[in-house]
Amino acid sequence: MPLYLFQRNGIWNCRGTVAGRIIRRSLKTTDKTIAAREASQIEQREWKRRHDGPGSVLTFAQAAMHYRGGGKDDQWLSFIEDHLKDTLISEITPGYLRTLAVKILPGCSGATLNRKGLTSAIAVINYCAEDGLCSPIKVKRFKEDSKIKEPATLEWVNAFAANANPHVGALCMFMFMTGARIGEAIALQWNDLNLDDRTALIRQTKTGSDRLANLPPPLVAKLRLLSEMKIPDRGVFGYNGRGDLWRVWAAAIERAKIKHLSPHCCRHGFATGLLRRGVDVVTVAHLGGWKSPALVLKIYGHANRNRNITDLLAQNEHIATADSDNALKVVSDSE
């Protein structure tokens, strides 16, 4: 039977059962003619859902809402959602996504096309697929050019901190000594810290799980100083978003007269520093919150170019190689 229309506070609503589903919702209009049309469209969608499956009527906006409702989030989701909006999930094919990415991000690199144009959309669709709302999707990524990105060193971090305000200096050291991503560091709250045990609970935005990071003594000292100057309604480092950070970050680099490195270079420095000190790749991946040791190897495990390194096979003792630093060149980390 058709949905029953009724008014509440002047606004038309509908209720009834369509295709075995109980429907009761506001039509958000005071015009009965428009309300009747809306109710008719609801009926058509419900019957289509019944015959063709839930994915046939699921829009990307609805899928994104379901994704966020599951505690998921992504910094680029709103960007791609603005372009997909009411597009039906059933109409979003791999080719459609790739074409859209190129259209809305003209002239961008493969890494940017993947990060902004594909990753969030794929994550939303496949999350809904796990709940049986649609079919999963697999999209061929755009080719990314490997770019060597210099890791921060302890000397760089100390020089930066000496010329930055206490909050930004501590933030820099925190990322370098825990491997935290910039978003994870900014999100750190005081109840995530236990300075007596020298630990920080890092809520990982990429893997969806939390990890407990060790805080070396110099970092604990800086965090204790910050605890004496807490900013109300702010996290540990006093910033609500990345946009507030870039200007003061660049200013500290200028004052220190050091090479311009991005905040993410501190995470590179964490991995590179541990690997150069002989820490195995499995442990580095675990401590830094990478999804797998294979990912760490892909990003950081570059070959030593010194041919003479094979002389080690004839030695009983380890010898240093002149080109040892080249063994761990860092490639831009998409994580």
C-alpha atoms as a PDB file:
ATOM      1  CA  MET A   1       0.000   0.000   0.000  1.00  0.00           C
ATOM      2  CA  PRO A   2       1.177   3.586  -0.604  1.00  0.00           C
ATOM      3  CA  LEU A   3       2.824   5.389   2.253  1.00  0.00           C
ATOM      4  CA  TYR A   4       0.400   7.290   4.478  1.00  0.00           C
ATOM      5  CA  LEU A   5       0.948  11.082   4.612  1.00  0.00           C
ATOM      6  CA  PHE A   6       0.329  13.102   7.765  1.00  0.00           C
ATOM      7  CA  GLN A   7       1.287  16.490   9.145  1.00  0.00           C
ATOM      8  CA  ARG A   8       3.178  17.279  12.315  1.00  0.00           C
ATOM      9  CA  ASN A   9       3.762  20.906  13.259  1.00  0.00           C
ATOM     10  CA  GLY A  10       2.922  21.873   9.688  1.00  0.00           C
ATOM     11  CA  ILE A  11       5.550  19.540   8.181  1.00  0.00           C
ATOM     12  CA  TRP A  12       4.441  16.555   6.091  1.00  0.00           C
ATOM     13  CA  ASN A  13       5.605  13.107   7.195  1.00  0.00           C
ATOM     14  CA  CYS A  14       5.051   9.611   5.856  1.00  0.00           C
ATOM     15  CA  ARG A  15       4.753   6.189   7.389  1.00  0.00           C
ATOM     16  CA  GLY A  16       3.939   2.654   6.358  1.00  0.00           C
ATOM     17  CA  THR A  17       5.541  -0.570   5.172  1.00  0.00           C
ATOM     18  CA  VAL A  18       7.157  -0.892   1.759  1.00  0.00           C
ATOM     19  CA  ALA A  19       8.839  -4.070   0.480  1.00  0.00           C
ATOM     20  CA  GLY A  20       8.867  -5.457   3.991  1.00  0.00           C
ATOM     21  CA  ARG A  21      10.549  -2.408   5.514  1.00  0.00           C
ATOM     22  CA  ILE A  22       8.882  -0.105   8.044  1.00  0.00           C
ATOM     23  CA  ILE A  23       9.151   3.497   6.860  1.00  0.00           C
ATOM     24  CA  ARG A  24       8.569   6.509   9.082  1.00  0.00           C
ATOM     25  CA  ARG A  25      10.252   9.803   8.260  1.00  0.00           C
ATOM     26  CA  SER A  26       9.834  13.526   7.794  1.00  0.00           C
ATOM     27  CA  LEU A  27       9.476  14.763   4.221  1.00  0.00           C
ATOM     28  CA  LYS A  28      10.723  18.230   5.290  1.00  0.00           C
ATOM     29  CA  THR A  29       8.122  20.222   3.358  1.00  0.00           C
ATOM     30  CA  THR A  30       4.878  22.047   4.038  1.00  0.00           C
ATOM     31  CA  ASP A  31       3.667  21.447   0.451  1.00  0.00           C
ATOM     32  CA  LYS A  32       1.486  18.356   0.175  1.00  0.00           C
ATOM     33  CA  THR A  33       2.166  17.927  -3.568  1.00  0.00           C
ATOM     34  CA  ILE A  34       5.925  17.865  -3.007  1.00  0.00           C
ATOM     35  CA  ALA A  35       5.434  15.543  -0.034  1.00  0.00           C
ATOM     36  CA  ALA A  36       3.480  13.084  -2.200  1.00  0.00           C
ATOM     37  CA  ARG A  37       6.252  13.065  -4.805  1.00  0.00           C
ATOM     38  CA  GLU A  38       8.893  12.465  -2.136  1.00  0.00           C
ATOM     39  CA  ALA A  39       6.872   9.604  -0.670  1.00  0.00           C
ATOM     40  CA  SER A  40       6.509   8.059  -4.146  1.00  0.00           C
ATOM     41  CA  GLN A  41      10.268   8.217  -4.685  1.00  0.00           C
ATOM     42  CA  ILE A  42      10.860   6.562  -1.314  1.00  0.00           C
ATOM     43  CA  GLU A  43       8.560   3.715  -2.337  1.00  0.00           C
ATOM     44  CA  GLN A  44      10.386   3.270  -5.652  1.00  0.00           C
ATOM     45  CA  ARG A  45      13.774   3.178  -3.909  1.00  0.00           C
ATOM     46  CA  GLU A  46      12.590   0.608  -1.378  1.00  0.00           C
ATOM     47  CA  TRP A  47      11.256  -1.722  -4.075  1.00  0.00           C
ATOM     48  CA  LYS A  48      14.499  -1.306  -6.037  1.00  0.00           C
ATOM     49  CA  ARG A  49      16.435  -2.156  -2.880  1.00  0.00           C
ATOM     50  CA  ARG A  50      14.263  -5.240  -2.446  1.00  0.00           C
ATOM     51  CA  HIS A  51      14.804  -6.534  -6.004  1.00  0.00           C
ATOM     52  CA  ASP A  52      18.326  -5.307  -6.829  1.00  0.00           C
ATOM     53  CA  GLY A  53      19.999  -5.226  -3.423  1.00  0.00           C
ATOM     54  CA  PRO A  54      20.869  -2.383  -1.002  1.00  0.00           C
ATOM     55  CA  GLY A  55      23.783  -1.216  -3.162  1.00  0.00           C
ATOM     56  CA  SER A  56      21.381  -0.209  -5.930  1.00  0.00           C
ATOM     57  CA  VAL A  57      20.009   2.703  -3.870  1.00  0.00           C
ATOM     58  CA  LEU A  58      22.986   3.494  -1.645  1.00  0.00           C
ATOM     59  CA  THR A  59      24.568   6.871  -2.414  1.00  0.00           C
ATOM     60  CA  PHE A  60      28.151   7.771  -1.663  1.00  0.00           C
ATOM     61  CA  ALA A  61      26.995  10.366   0.881  1.00  0.00           C
ATOM     62  CA  GLN A  62      25.033   7.666   2.726  1.00  0.00           C
ATOM     63  CA  ALA A  63      27.986   5.283   2.510  1.00  0.00           C
ATOM     64  CA  ALA A  64      30.318   7.957   3.908  1.00  0.00           C
ATOM     65  CA  MET A  65      27.903   8.531   6.786  1.00  0.00           C
ATOM     66  CA  HIS A  66      27.916   4.800   7.520  1.00  0.00           C
ATOM     67  CA  TYR A  67      31.738   4.799   7.344  1.00  0.00           C
ATOM     68  CA  ARG A  68      32.052   7.640   9.848  1.00  0.00           C
ATOM     69  CA  GLY A  69      29.433   6.014  12.051  1.00  0.00           C
ATOM     70  CA  GLY A  70      31.783   3.059  12.393  1.00  0.00           C
ATOM     71  CA  GLY A  71      34.423   5.304  13.927  1.00  0.00           C
ATOM     72  CA  LYS A  72      36.341   5.670  10.679  1.00  0.00           C
ATOM     73  CA  ASP A  73      37.685   8.941   9.383  1.00  0.00           C
ATOM     74  CA  ASP A  74      40.049  10.288   6.767  1.00  0.00           C
ATOM     75  CA  GLN A  75      41.326  13.785   6.164  1.00  0.00           C
ATOM     76  CA  TRP A  76      40.490  13.609   2.425  1.00  0.00           C
ATOM     77  CA  LEU A  77      37.045  12.026   2.728  1.00  0.00           C
ATOM     78  CA  SER A  78      35.194  15.357   2.718  1.00  0.00           C
ATOM     79  CA  PHE A  79      37.092  16.377  -0.415  1.00  0.00           C
ATOM     80  CA  ILE A  80      36.027  13.375  -2.508  1.00  0.00           C
ATOM     81  CA  GLU A  81      32.555  13.359  -0.926  1.00  0.00           C
ATOM     82  CA  ASP A  82      31.944  16.851  -2.301  1.00  0.00           C
ATOM     83  CA  HIS A  83      32.363  15.457  -5.815  1.00  0.00           C
ATOM     84  CA  LEU A  84      30.530  12.127  -5.436  1.00  0.00           C
ATOM     85  CA  LYS A  85      27.695  13.245  -3.155  1.00  0.00           C
ATOM     86  CA  ASP A  86      24.476  11.616  -4.399  1.00  0.00           C
ATOM     87  CA  THR A  87      26.177   9.308  -6.902  1.00  0.00           C
ATOM     88  CA  LEU A  88      24.910   5.769  -6.465  1.00  0.00           C
ATOM     89  CA  ILE A  89      27.541   3.328  -5.263  1.00  0.00           C
ATOM     90  CA  SER A  90      26.408   0.948  -7.989  1.00  0.00           C
ATOM     91  CA  GLU A  91      27.489   3.531 -10.581  1.00  0.00           C
ATOM     92  CA  ILE A  92      30.973   4.032  -9.121  1.00  0.00           C
ATOM     93  CA  THR A  93      33.286   1.777 -11.115  1.00  0.00           C
ATOM     94  CA  PRO A  94      37.112   1.639 -11.036  1.00  0.00           C
ATOM     95  CA  GLY A  95      37.246   3.552 -14.316  1.00  0.00           C
ATOM     96  CA  TYR A  96      34.790   6.132 -13.018  1.00  0.00           C
ATOM     97  CA  LEU A  97      36.966   6.827  -9.969  1.00  0.00           C
ATOM     98  CA  ARG A  98      40.199   7.100 -11.957  1.00  0.00           C
ATOM     99  CA  THR A  99      38.608   9.445 -14.482  1.00  0.00           C
ATOM    100  CA  LEU A 100      37.110  11.580 -11.714  1.00  0.00           C
ATOM    101  CA  ALA A 101      40.452  11.826  -9.917  1.00  0.00           C
ATOM    102  CA  VAL A 102      42.196  13.147 -13.023  1.00  0.00           C
ATOM    103  CA  LYS A 103      39.345  15.592 -13.682  1.00  0.00           C
ATOM    104  CA  ILE A 104      39.229  17.144 -10.208  1.00  0.00           C
ATOM    105  CA  LEU A 105      42.999  17.061  -9.639  1.00  0.00           C
ATOM    106  CA  PRO A 106      44.455  18.199 -12.967  1.00  0.00           C
ATOM    107  CA  GLY A 107      48.233  18.128 -13.224  1.00  0.00           C
ATOM    108  CA  CYS A 108      48.711  16.410  -9.867  1.00  0.00           C
ATOM    109  CA  SER A 109      51.205  13.621  -9.254  1.00  0.00           C
ATOM    110  CA  GLY A 110      50.223   9.972  -9.056  1.00  0.00           C
ATOM    111  CA  ALA A 111      50.691  10.048  -5.292  1.00  0.00           C
ATOM    112  CA  THR A 112      48.250  12.949  -4.947  1.00  0.00           C
ATOM    113  CA  LEU A 113      45.715  11.328  -7.279  1.00  0.00           C
ATOM    114  CA  ASN A 114      45.853   8.178  -5.164  1.00  0.00           C
ATOM    115  CA  ARG A 115      45.732   9.941  -1.815  1.00  0.00           C
ATOM    116  CA  LYS A 116      43.023  12.517  -2.550  1.00  0.00           C
ATOM    117  CA  GLY A 117      41.105  10.940  -5.398  1.00  0.00           C
ATOM    118  CA  LEU A 118      41.052   7.212  -4.742  1.00  0.00           C
ATOM    119  CA  THR A 119      41.970   6.071  -1.239  1.00  0.00           C
ATOM    120  CA  SER A 120      39.049   7.540   0.725  1.00  0.00           C
ATOM    121  CA  ALA A 121      36.439   6.502  -1.844  1.00  0.00           C
ATOM    122  CA  ILE A 122      37.767   2.940  -1.946  1.00  0.00           C
ATOM    123  CA  ALA A 123      37.842   2.744   1.853  1.00  0.00           C
ATOM    124  CA  VAL A 124      34.215   3.898   2.156  1.00  0.00           C
ATOM    125  CA  ILE A 125      32.890   1.492  -0.476  1.00  0.00           C
ATOM    126  CA  ASN A 126      34.784  -1.521   0.848  1.00  0.00           C
ATOM    127  CA  TYR A 127      33.752  -0.750   4.429  1.00  0.00           C
ATOM    128  CA  CYS A 128      30.112  -0.790   3.357  1.00  0.00           C
ATOM    129  CA  ALA A 129      30.763  -3.986   1.366  1.00  0.00           C
ATOM    130  CA  GLU A 130      31.932  -5.700   4.567  1.00  0.00           C
ATOM    131  CA  ASP A 131      28.512  -4.927   6.042  1.00  0.00           C
ATOM    132  CA  GLY A 132      26.729  -6.328   2.984  1.00  0.00           C
ATOM    133  CA  LEU A 133      25.505  -2.952   1.731  1.00  0.00           C
ATOM    134  CA  CYS A 134      27.201  -3.095  -1.662  1.00  0.00           C
ATOM    135  CA  SER A 135      29.833  -4.923  -3.676  1.00  0.00           C
ATOM    136  CA  PRO A 136      33.538  -4.332  -2.954  1.00  0.00           C
ATOM    137  CA  ILE A 137      35.690  -2.361  -5.368  1.00  0.00           C
ATOM    138  CA  LYS A 138      39.289  -2.759  -6.490  1.00  0.00           C
ATOM    139  CA  VAL A 139      40.922   0.132  -8.312  1.00  0.00           C
ATOM    140  CA  LYS A 140      44.308   0.210 -10.029  1.00  0.00           C
ATOM    141  CA  ARG A 141      46.367   2.961  -8.411  1.00  0.00           C
ATOM    142  CA  PHE A 142      48.153   5.630 -10.363  1.00  0.00           C
ATOM    143  CA  LYS A 143      51.886   5.136 -10.746  1.00  0.00           C
ATOM    144  CA  GLU A 144      53.849   7.027  -8.110  1.00  0.00           C
ATOM    145  CA  ASP A 145      57.322   8.388  -8.659  1.00  0.00           C
ATOM    146  CA  SER A 146      59.644   7.501  -5.804  1.00  0.00           C
ATOM    147  CA  LYS A 147      61.077  10.660  -4.314  1.00  0.00           C
ATOM    148  CA  ILE A 148      63.947  10.641  -1.888  1.00  0.00           C
ATOM    149  CA  LYS A 149      62.894  12.525   1.215  1.00  0.00           C
ATOM    150  CA  GLU A 150      65.489  13.474   3.779  1.00  0.00           C
ATOM    151  CA  PRO A 151      64.883  12.200   7.304  1.00  0.00           C
ATOM    152  CA  ALA A 152      65.264  14.461  10.306  1.00  0.00           C
ATOM    153  CA  THR A 153      68.233  13.739  12.573  1.00  0.00           C
ATOM    154  CA  LEU A 154      68.640  14.287  16.303  1.00  0.00           C
ATOM    155  CA  GLU A 155      70.906  17.256  15.565  1.00  0.00           C
ATOM    156  CA  TRP A 156      68.234  18.793  13.322  1.00  0.00           C
ATOM    157  CA  VAL A 157      65.502  18.180  15.918  1.00  0.00           C
ATOM    158  CA  ASN A 158      67.558  19.741  18.726  1.00  0.00           C
ATOM    159  CA  ALA A 159      68.372  22.801  16.599  1.00  0.00           C
ATOM    160  CA  PHE A 160      64.695  23.143  15.666  1.00  0.00           C
ATOM    161  CA  ALA A 161      63.500  22.806  19.276  1.00  0.00           C
ATOM    162  CA  ALA A 162      66.011  25.393  20.475  1.00  0.00           C
ATOM    163  CA  ASN A 163      64.465  27.956  18.111  1.00  0.00           C
ATOM    164  CA  ALA A 164      60.789  27.022  18.408  1.00  0.00           C
ATOM    165  CA  ASN A 165      58.213  27.776  21.072  1.00  0.00           C
ATOM    166  CA  PRO A 166      57.939  25.023  23.727  1.00  0.00           C
ATOM    167  CA  HIS A 167      54.834  23.456  22.205  1.00  0.00           C
ATOM    168  CA  VAL A 168      56.182  23.166  18.654  1.00  0.00           C
ATOM    169  CA  GLY A 169      59.628  22.079  19.873  1.00  0.00           C
ATOM    170  CA  ALA A 170      58.097  19.296  21.952  1.00  0.00           C
ATOM    171  CA  LEU A 171      55.832  18.303  19.053  1.00  0.00           C
ATOM    172  CA  CYS A 172      58.840  17.931  16.752  1.00  0.00           C
ATOM    173  CA  MET A 173      60.737  15.817  19.266  1.00  0.00           C
ATOM    174  CA  PHE A 174      57.632  13.707  19.952  1.00  0.00           C
ATOM    175  CA  MET A 175      57.254  12.754  16.290  1.00  0.00           C
ATOM    176  CA  PHE A 176      60.966  12.020  15.967  1.00  0.00           C
ATOM    177  CA  MET A 177      61.171   9.854  19.086  1.00  0.00           C
ATOM    178  CA  THR A 178      57.847   7.987  18.748  1.00  0.00           C
ATOM    179  CA  GLY A 179      57.324   7.867  14.981  1.00  0.00           C
ATOM    180  CA  ALA A 180      53.927   9.534  15.365  1.00  0.00           C
ATOM    181  CA  ARG A 181      52.259  10.997  12.301  1.00  0.00           C
ATOM    182  CA  ILE A 182      51.507  14.707  12.467  1.00  0.00           C
ATOM    183  CA  GLY A 183      47.758  14.156  12.870  1.00  0.00           C
ATOM    184  CA  GLU A 184      48.323  11.632  15.646  1.00  0.00           C
ATOM    185  CA  ALA A 185      50.632  14.019  17.496  1.00  0.00           C
ATOM    186  CA  ILE A 186      48.222  16.948  17.259  1.00  0.00           C
ATOM    187  CA  ALA A 187      45.390  14.713  18.531  1.00  0.00           C
ATOM    188  CA  LEU A 188      47.357  13.639  21.632  1.00  0.00           C
ATOM    189  CA  GLN A 189      45.503  14.454  24.860  1.00  0.00           C
ATOM    190  CA  TRP A 190      46.882  14.737  28.368  1.00  0.00           C
ATOM    191  CA  ASN A 191      45.023  11.623  29.516  1.00  0.00           C
ATOM    192  CA  ASP A 192      46.913   9.699  26.792  1.00  0.00           C
ATOM    193  CA  LEU A 193      50.190  10.378  28.615  1.00  0.00           C
ATOM    194  CA  ASN A 194      51.750   8.663  31.619  1.00  0.00           C
ATOM    195  CA  LEU A 195      54.926  10.601  32.231  1.00  0.00           C
ATOM    196  CA  ASP A 196      55.872   8.522  35.278  1.00  0.00           C
ATOM    197  CA  ASP A 197      55.833   5.347  33.173  1.00  0.00           C
ATOM    198  CA  ARG A 198      57.235   7.262  30.168  1.00  0.00           C
ATOM    199  CA  THR A 199      54.452   6.123  27.821  1.00  0.00           C
ATOM    200  CA  ALA A 200      52.017   7.733  25.381  1.00  0.00           C
ATOM    201  CA  LEU A 201      48.906   6.149  23.917  1.00  0.00           C
ATOM    202  CA  ILE A 202      48.940   7.051  20.222  1.00  0.00           C
ATOM    203  CA  ARG A 203      45.590   6.735  18.488  1.00  0.00           C
ATOM    204  CA  GLN A 204      46.645   5.719  15.009  1.00  0.00           C
ATOM    205  CA  THR A 205      44.663   7.288  12.197  1.00  0.00           C
ATOM    206  CA  LYS A 206      45.955   5.012   9.439  1.00  0.00           C
ATOM    207  CA  THR A 207      45.698   1.552  10.955  1.00  0.00           C
ATOM    208  CA  GLY A 208      42.642   2.174  13.119  1.00  0.00           C
ATOM    209  CA  SER A 209      44.273   0.735  16.257  1.00  0.00           C
ATOM    210  CA  ASP A 210      46.147   2.266  19.173  1.00  0.00           C
ATOM    211  CA  ARG A 211      49.763   1.718  20.177  1.00  0.00           C
ATOM    212  CA  LEU A 212      51.677   2.458  23.346  1.00  0.00           C
ATOM    213  CA  ALA A 213      54.852   4.410  22.623  1.00  0.00           C
ATOM    214  CA  ASN A 214      57.913   4.779  24.827  1.00  0.00           C
ATOM    215  CA  LEU A 215      58.977   8.313  25.745  1.00  0.00           C
ATOM    216  CA  PRO A 216      62.767   8.795  26.031  1.00  0.00           C
ATOM    217  CA  PRO A 217      63.899  10.955  29.006  1.00  0.00           C
ATOM    218  CA  PRO A 218      64.627  14.155  26.983  1.00  0.00           C
ATOM    219  CA  LEU A 219      61.096  14.008  25.586  1.00  0.00           C
ATOM    220  CA  VAL A 220      59.580  13.438  29.026  1.00  0.00           C
ATOM    221  CA  ALA A 221      61.363  16.563  30.265  1.00  0.00           C
ATOM    222  CA  LYS A 222      59.828  18.659  27.489  1.00  0.00           C
ATOM    223  CA  LEU A 223      56.365  17.210  28.108  1.00  0.00           C
ATOM    224  CA  ARG A 224      56.615  17.955  31.842  1.00  0.00           C
ATOM    225  CA  LEU A 225      57.376  21.557  30.948  1.00  0.00           C
ATOM    226  CA  LEU A 226      54.275  21.667  28.745  1.00  0.00           C
ATOM    227  CA  SER A 227      52.148  20.237  31.559  1.00  0.00           C
ATOM    228  CA  GLU A 228      52.834  23.431  33.501  1.00  0.00           C
ATOM    229  CA  MET A 229      51.418  25.582  30.695  1.00  0.00           C
ATOM    230  CA  LYS A 230      48.358  23.667  29.529  1.00  0.00           C
ATOM    231  CA  ILE A 231      46.084  25.454  27.059  1.00  0.00           C
ATOM    232  CA  PRO A 232      42.381  24.987  27.926  1.00  0.00           C
ATOM    233  CA  ASP A 233      40.378  22.873  25.471  1.00  0.00           C
ATOM    234  CA  ARG A 234      43.510  22.008  23.498  1.00  0.00           C
ATOM    235  CA  GLY A 235      45.588  18.867  23.151  1.00  0.00           C
ATOM    236  CA  VAL A 236      49.055  18.346  24.597  1.00  0.00           C
ATOM    237  CA  PHE A 237      50.762  20.447  21.938  1.00  0.00           C
ATOM    238  CA  GLY A 238      48.140  23.196  21.829  1.00  0.00           C
ATOM    239  CA  TYR A 239      47.076  22.949  18.174  1.00  0.00           C
ATOM    240  CA  ASN A 240      43.625  22.009  16.891  1.00  0.00           C
ATOM    241  CA  GLY A 241      44.741  21.373  13.320  1.00  0.00           C
ATOM    242  CA  ARG A 242      47.634  21.309  10.914  1.00  0.00           C
ATOM    243  CA  GLY A 243      46.763  24.671   9.415  1.00  0.00           C
ATOM    244  CA  ASP A 244      47.742  26.424  12.644  1.00  0.00           C
ATOM    245  CA  LEU A 245      51.125  24.711  12.662  1.00  0.00           C
ATOM    246  CA  TRP A 246      52.742  25.414   9.285  1.00  0.00           C
ATOM    247  CA  ARG A 247      53.565  29.077   9.869  1.00  0.00           C
ATOM    248  CA  VAL A 248      55.262  28.580  13.241  1.00  0.00           C
ATOM    249  CA  TRP A 249      57.031  25.460  11.951  1.00  0.00           C
ATOM    250  CA  ALA A 250      58.575  27.393   9.066  1.00  0.00           C
ATOM    251  CA  ALA A 251      59.470  30.322  11.340  1.00  0.00           C
ATOM    252  CA  ALA A 252      61.413  28.031  13.697  1.00  0.00           C
ATOM    253  CA  ILE A 253      63.381  26.614  10.765  1.00  0.00           C
ATOM    254  CA  GLU A 254      64.254  30.127   9.592  1.00  0.00           C
ATOM    255  CA  ARG A 255      65.482  31.142  13.048  1.00  0.00           C
ATOM    256  CA  ALA A 256      67.533  27.953  13.407  1.00  0.00           C
ATOM    257  CA  LYS A 257      69.016  28.405   9.920  1.00  0.00           C
ATOM    258  CA  ILE A 258      68.603  24.699   9.194  1.00  0.00           C
ATOM    259  CA  LYS A 259      67.365  22.828   6.132  1.00  0.00           C
ATOM    260  CA  HIS A 260      63.636  23.067   5.562  1.00  0.00           C
ATOM    261  CA  LEU A 261      62.091  19.695   6.459  1.00  0.00           C
ATOM    262  CA  SER A 262      58.415  18.934   6.826  1.00  0.00           C
ATOM    263  CA  PRO A 263      56.941  17.547  10.078  1.00  0.00           C
ATOM    264  CA  HIS A 264      56.650  14.143   8.402  1.00  0.00           C
ATOM    265  CA  CYS A 265      60.439  14.031   8.025  1.00  0.00           C
ATOM    266  CA  CYS A 266      60.525  13.443  11.792  1.00  0.00           C
ATOM    267  CA  ARG A 267      58.679  10.151  11.249  1.00  0.00           C
ATOM    268  CA  HIS A 268      61.192   9.310   8.529  1.00  0.00           C
ATOM    269  CA  GLY A 269      63.955  10.074  11.009  1.00  0.00           C
ATOM    270  CA  PHE A 270      62.428   7.688  13.566  1.00  0.00           C
ATOM    271  CA  ALA A 271      62.502   4.743  11.153  1.00  0.00           C
ATOM    272  CA  THR A 272      65.853   5.565   9.585  1.00  0.00           C
ATOM    273  CA  GLY A 273      67.530   6.166  12.942  1.00  0.00           C
ATOM    274  CA  LEU A 274      66.425   2.820  14.347  1.00  0.00           C
ATOM    275  CA  LEU A 275      67.326   0.873  11.211  1.00  0.00           C
ATOM    276  CA  ARG A 276      70.790   2.445  11.085  1.00  0.00           C
ATOM    277  CA  ARG A 277      71.306   1.352  14.675  1.00  0.00           C
ATOM    278  CA  GLY A 278      70.581  -2.265  13.767  1.00  0.00           C
ATOM    279  CA  VAL A 279      66.996  -2.555  14.995  1.00  0.00           C
ATOM    280  CA  ASP A 280      65.213  -5.196  12.921  1.00  0.00           C
ATOM    281  CA  VAL A 281      62.513  -4.132  10.485  1.00  0.00           C
ATOM    282  CA  VAL A 282      59.742  -6.076  12.268  1.00  0.00           C
ATOM    283  CA  THR A 283      60.397  -4.153  15.477  1.00  0.00           C
ATOM    284  CA  VAL A 284      60.591  -0.819  13.655  1.00  0.00           C
ATOM    285  CA  ALA A 285      57.230  -1.477  11.983  1.00  0.00           C
ATOM    286  CA  HIS A 286      55.682  -2.385  15.333  1.00  0.00           C
ATOM    287  CA  LEU A 287      57.093   0.587  17.224  1.00  0.00           C
ATOM    288  CA  GLY A 288      56.230   3.112  14.512  1.00  0.00           C
ATOM    289  CA  GLY A 289      52.756   1.852  13.691  1.00  0.00           C
ATOM    290  CA  TRP A 290      53.382   0.837  10.081  1.00  0.00           C
ATOM    291  CA  LYS A 291      50.922  -1.709   8.743  1.00  0.00           C
ATOM    292  CA  SER A 292      53.606  -4.281   7.996  1.00  0.00           C
ATOM    293  CA  PRO A 293      57.384  -4.823   7.956  1.00  0.00           C
ATOM    294  CA  ALA A 294      57.080  -5.154   4.178  1.00  0.00           C
ATOM    295  CA  LEU A 295      55.909  -1.550   3.983  1.00  0.00           C
ATOM    296  CA  VAL A 296      58.906  -0.377   6.009  1.00  0.00           C
ATOM    297  CA  LEU A 297      61.221  -2.307   3.705  1.00  0.00           C
ATOM    298  CA  LYS A 298      59.551  -0.815   0.638  1.00  0.00           C
ATOM    299  CA  ILE A 299      59.979   2.715   1.957  1.00  0.00           C
ATOM    300  CA  TYR A 300      63.349   2.513   3.699  1.00  0.00           C
ATOM    301  CA  GLY A 301      65.123  -0.674   2.612  1.00  0.00           C
ATOM    302  CA  HIS A 302      67.260   0.586  -0.257  1.00  0.00           C
ATOM    303  CA  ALA A 303      70.387  -1.230  -1.316  1.00  0.00           C
ATOM    304  CA  ASN A 304      73.919  -0.212  -0.433  1.00  0.00           C
ATOM    305  CA  ARG A 305      75.590   0.827  -3.711  1.00  0.00           C
ATOM    306  CA  ASN A 306      79.145   0.074  -2.575  1.00  0.00           C
ATOM    307  CA  ARG A 307      80.345  -2.997  -4.554  1.00  0.00           C
ATOM    308  CA  ASN A 308      83.106  -3.628  -2.008  1.00  0.00           C
ATOM    309  CA  ILE A 309      80.551  -4.580   0.602  1.00  0.00           C
ATOM    310  CA  THR A 310      80.840  -8.189  -0.589  1.00  0.00           C
ATOM    311  CA  ASP A 311      84.326  -8.190   0.991  1.00  0.00           C
ATOM    312  CA  LEU A 312      82.457  -8.680   4.262  1.00  0.00           C
ATOM    313  CA  LEU A 313      81.893 -12.299   3.271  1.00  0.00           C
ATOM    314  CA  ALA A 314      85.628 -12.891   3.590  1.00  0.00           C
ATOM    315  CA  GLN A 315      85.880 -11.128   6.956  1.00  0.00           C
ATOM    316  CA  ASN A 316      85.381 -12.535  10.420  1.00  0.00           C
ATOM    317  CA  GLU A 317      84.428  -9.163  11.809  1.00  0.00           C
ATOM    318  CA  HIS A 318      82.014  -6.488  10.625  1.00  0.00           C
ATOM    319  CA  ILE A 319      83.691  -3.529   8.927  1.00  0.00           C
ATOM    320  CA  ALA A 320      82.194  -0.146   8.217  1.00  0.00           C
ATOM    321  CA  THR A 321      81.616   0.791   4.596  1.00  0.00           C
ATOM    322  CA  ALA A 322      82.259   4.195   3.131  1.00  0.00           C
ATOM    323  CA  ASP A 323      78.838   4.254   1.539  1.00  0.00           C
ATOM    324  CA  SER A 324      76.874   2.892   4.495  1.00  0.00           C
ATOM    325  CA  ASP A 325      74.678   5.974   4.784  1.00  0.00           C
ATOM    326  CA  ASN A 326      73.353   5.344   1.283  1.00  0.00           C
ATOM    327  CA  ALA A 327      71.911   2.028   2.404  1.00  0.00           C
ATOM    328  CA  LEU A 328      68.979   3.734   4.014  1.00  0.00           C
ATOM    329  CA  LYS A 329      67.850   6.464   1.704  1.00  0.00           C
ATOM    330  CA  VAL A 330      64.281   7.370   2.512  1.00  0.00           C
ATOM    331  CA  VAL A 331      61.511   7.303  -0.055  1.00  0.00           C
ATOM    332  CA  SER A 332      58.447   9.487   0.456  1.00  0.00           C
ATOM    333  CA  ASP A 333      56.153   7.741   2.937  1.00  0.00           C
ATOM    334  CA  SER A 334      52.512   7.532   1.800  1.00  0.00           C
ATOM    335  CA  GLU A 335      51.679   6.443   5.306  1.00  0.00           C
END
